[in-house]
Amino acid sequence: MSKRAVQIDADTDAILRRLAQERAAEPEAIVSDAVRLFDDLYGQAALGELDRRWAEFERVGESYTQDEVEAWLKTWGTRDFRPFRSRQ
């Protein structure tokens, strides 16, 4: 593994040290995990998935309100639970 020096501000350093201590890990491992997570959330693959989902929405035009989703979630683990698309 190649190592690189980076400069971080004092607040970020404190957070990094706290996370490393809480997880009994080296700060380098925390940074490595954080960069991978950032890439998963905001990298090209994630953007491609968002594009795919947007295209599907434009094709189908189907969406749900927050209230509809919350009401469905409240049925989880109950006898009233139905798969989302057949919940009516």
C-alpha atoms as a PDB file:
ATOM      1  CA  MET A   1       0.000   0.000   0.000  1.00  0.00           C
ATOM      2  CA  SER A   2       1.367   3.406  -0.892  1.00  0.00           C
ATOM      3  CA  LYS A   3       1.171   6.135   1.719  1.00  0.00           C
ATOM      4  CA  ARG A   4       0.497   9.797   1.141  1.00  0.00           C
ATOM      5  CA  ALA A   5       0.581  12.722   3.524  1.00  0.00           C
ATOM      6  CA  VAL A   6      -2.488  14.932   3.606  1.00  0.00           C
ATOM      7  CA  GLN A   7      -3.156  18.085   5.548  1.00  0.00           C
ATOM      8  CA  ILE A   8      -6.349  18.268   7.592  1.00  0.00           C
ATOM      9  CA  ASP A   9      -7.663  20.912   9.940  1.00  0.00           C
ATOM     10  CA  ALA A  10      -7.678  20.442  13.703  1.00  0.00           C
ATOM     11  CA  ASP A  11     -11.411  19.639  13.893  1.00  0.00           C
ATOM     12  CA  THR A  12     -11.135  16.922  11.252  1.00  0.00           C
ATOM     13  CA  ASP A  13      -8.053  15.524  12.982  1.00  0.00           C
ATOM     14  CA  ALA A  14      -9.958  15.323  16.274  1.00  0.00           C
ATOM     15  CA  ILE A  15     -12.825  13.487  14.576  1.00  0.00           C
ATOM     16  CA  LEU A  16     -10.414  11.107  12.848  1.00  0.00           C
ATOM     17  CA  ARG A  17      -8.621  10.319  16.110  1.00  0.00           C
ATOM     18  CA  ARG A  18     -11.935   9.782  17.949  1.00  0.00           C
ATOM     19  CA  LEU A  19     -13.241   7.434  15.252  1.00  0.00           C
ATOM     20  CA  ALA A  20      -9.988   5.486  15.234  1.00  0.00           C
ATOM     21  CA  GLN A  21     -10.042   5.134  19.014  1.00  0.00           C
ATOM     22  CA  GLU A  22     -13.728   4.088  19.085  1.00  0.00           C
ATOM     23  CA  ARG A  23     -13.067   1.404  16.499  1.00  0.00           C
ATOM     24  CA  ALA A  24      -9.649   0.348  17.760  1.00  0.00           C
ATOM     25  CA  ALA A  25      -8.322   1.068  14.269  1.00  0.00           C
ATOM     26  CA  GLU A  26      -5.498   3.019  12.734  1.00  0.00           C
ATOM     27  CA  PRO A  27      -6.445   6.469  11.408  1.00  0.00           C
ATOM     28  CA  GLU A  28      -5.294   5.309   7.958  1.00  0.00           C
ATOM     29  CA  ALA A  29      -7.955   2.563   7.996  1.00  0.00           C
ATOM     30  CA  ILE A  30     -10.642   5.104   8.921  1.00  0.00           C
ATOM     31  CA  VAL A  31      -9.594   7.381   6.052  1.00  0.00           C
ATOM     32  CA  SER A  32      -9.478   4.455   3.631  1.00  0.00           C
ATOM     33  CA  ASP A  33     -12.989   3.343   4.633  1.00  0.00           C
ATOM     34  CA  ALA A  34     -14.282   6.920   4.426  1.00  0.00           C
ATOM     35  CA  VAL A  35     -12.910   7.439   0.918  1.00  0.00           C
ATOM     36  CA  ARG A  36     -14.442   4.166  -0.282  1.00  0.00           C
ATOM     37  CA  LEU A  37     -17.788   5.081   1.283  1.00  0.00           C
ATOM     38  CA  PHE A  38     -17.658   8.526  -0.332  1.00  0.00           C
ATOM     39  CA  ASP A  39     -16.961   6.891  -3.684  1.00  0.00           C
ATOM     40  CA  ASP A  40     -19.883   4.485  -3.178  1.00  0.00           C
ATOM     41  CA  LEU A  41     -22.202   7.405  -2.436  1.00  0.00           C
ATOM     42  CA  TYR A  42     -20.960   9.965  -4.939  1.00  0.00           C
ATOM     43  CA  GLY A  43     -18.730   8.170  -7.449  1.00  0.00           C
ATOM     44  CA  GLN A  44     -19.487   7.448 -11.089  1.00  0.00           C
ATOM     45  CA  ALA A  45     -21.220   4.134 -10.331  1.00  0.00           C
ATOM     46  CA  ALA A  46     -23.599   5.858  -7.904  1.00  0.00           C
ATOM     47  CA  LEU A  47     -24.285   8.634 -10.403  1.00  0.00           C
ATOM     48  CA  GLY A  48     -24.963   6.046 -13.087  1.00  0.00           C
ATOM     49  CA  GLU A  49     -27.479   4.342 -10.803  1.00  0.00           C
ATOM     50  CA  LEU A  50     -29.210   7.670 -10.162  1.00  0.00           C
ATOM     51  CA  ASP A  51     -29.373   8.274 -13.915  1.00  0.00           C
ATOM     52  CA  ARG A  52     -30.863   4.800 -14.413  1.00  0.00           C
ATOM     53  CA  ARG A  53     -33.477   5.418 -11.721  1.00  0.00           C
ATOM     54  CA  TRP A  54     -34.367   8.841 -13.149  1.00  0.00           C
ATOM     55  CA  ALA A  55     -34.794   7.338 -16.625  1.00  0.00           C
ATOM     56  CA  GLU A  56     -37.089   4.670 -15.124  1.00  0.00           C
ATOM     57  CA  PHE A  57     -39.141   7.349 -13.383  1.00  0.00           C
ATOM     58  CA  GLU A  58     -39.454   9.337 -16.613  1.00  0.00           C
ATOM     59  CA  ARG A  59     -40.507   6.180 -18.461  1.00  0.00           C
ATOM     60  CA  VAL A  60     -43.060   4.996 -15.874  1.00  0.00           C
ATOM     61  CA  GLY A  61     -43.978   8.263 -14.149  1.00  0.00           C
ATOM     62  CA  GLU A  62     -44.737   6.467 -10.893  1.00  0.00           C
ATOM     63  CA  SER A  63     -43.901   8.093  -7.565  1.00  0.00           C
ATOM     64  CA  TYR A  64     -45.105   7.971  -3.968  1.00  0.00           C
ATOM     65  CA  THR A  65     -45.480  10.551  -1.229  1.00  0.00           C
ATOM     66  CA  GLN A  66     -43.577  10.411   2.029  1.00  0.00           C
ATOM     67  CA  ASP A  67     -46.874   9.781   3.825  1.00  0.00           C
ATOM     68  CA  GLU A  68     -47.632   6.760   1.608  1.00  0.00           C
ATOM     69  CA  VAL A  69     -44.222   5.249   2.273  1.00  0.00           C
ATOM     70  CA  GLU A  70     -44.416   5.909   6.023  1.00  0.00           C
ATOM     71  CA  ALA A  71     -47.874   4.328   6.240  1.00  0.00           C
ATOM     72  CA  TRP A  72     -46.575   1.247   4.420  1.00  0.00           C
ATOM     73  CA  LEU A  73     -43.494   1.010   6.650  1.00  0.00           C
ATOM     74  CA  LYS A  74     -45.729   0.984   9.739  1.00  0.00           C
ATOM     75  CA  THR A  75     -47.259  -2.290   8.489  1.00  0.00           C
ATOM     76  CA  TRP A  76     -43.928  -4.117   8.569  1.00  0.00           C
ATOM     77  CA  GLY A  77     -44.100  -7.025  10.997  1.00  0.00           C
ATOM     78  CA  THR A  78     -47.895  -6.854  11.234  1.00  0.00           C
ATOM     79  CA  ARG A  79     -50.637  -8.996   9.696  1.00  0.00           C
ATOM     80  CA  ASP A  80     -51.551  -5.965   7.544  1.00  0.00           C
ATOM     81  CA  PHE A  81     -48.222  -6.032   5.710  1.00  0.00           C
ATOM     82  CA  ARG A  82     -48.407  -6.331   1.916  1.00  0.00           C
ATOM     83  CA  PRO A  83     -45.681  -5.865  -0.685  1.00  0.00           C
ATOM     84  CA  PHE A  84     -45.543  -2.167  -1.536  1.00  0.00           C
ATOM     85  CA  ARG A  85     -46.982  -2.416  -5.031  1.00  0.00           C
ATOM     86  CA  SER A  86     -49.919  -4.571  -3.866  1.00  0.00           C
ATOM     87  CA  ARG A  87     -50.644  -2.730  -0.621  1.00  0.00           C
ATOM     88  CA  GLN A  88     -54.029  -1.283  -1.720  1.00  0.00           C
END
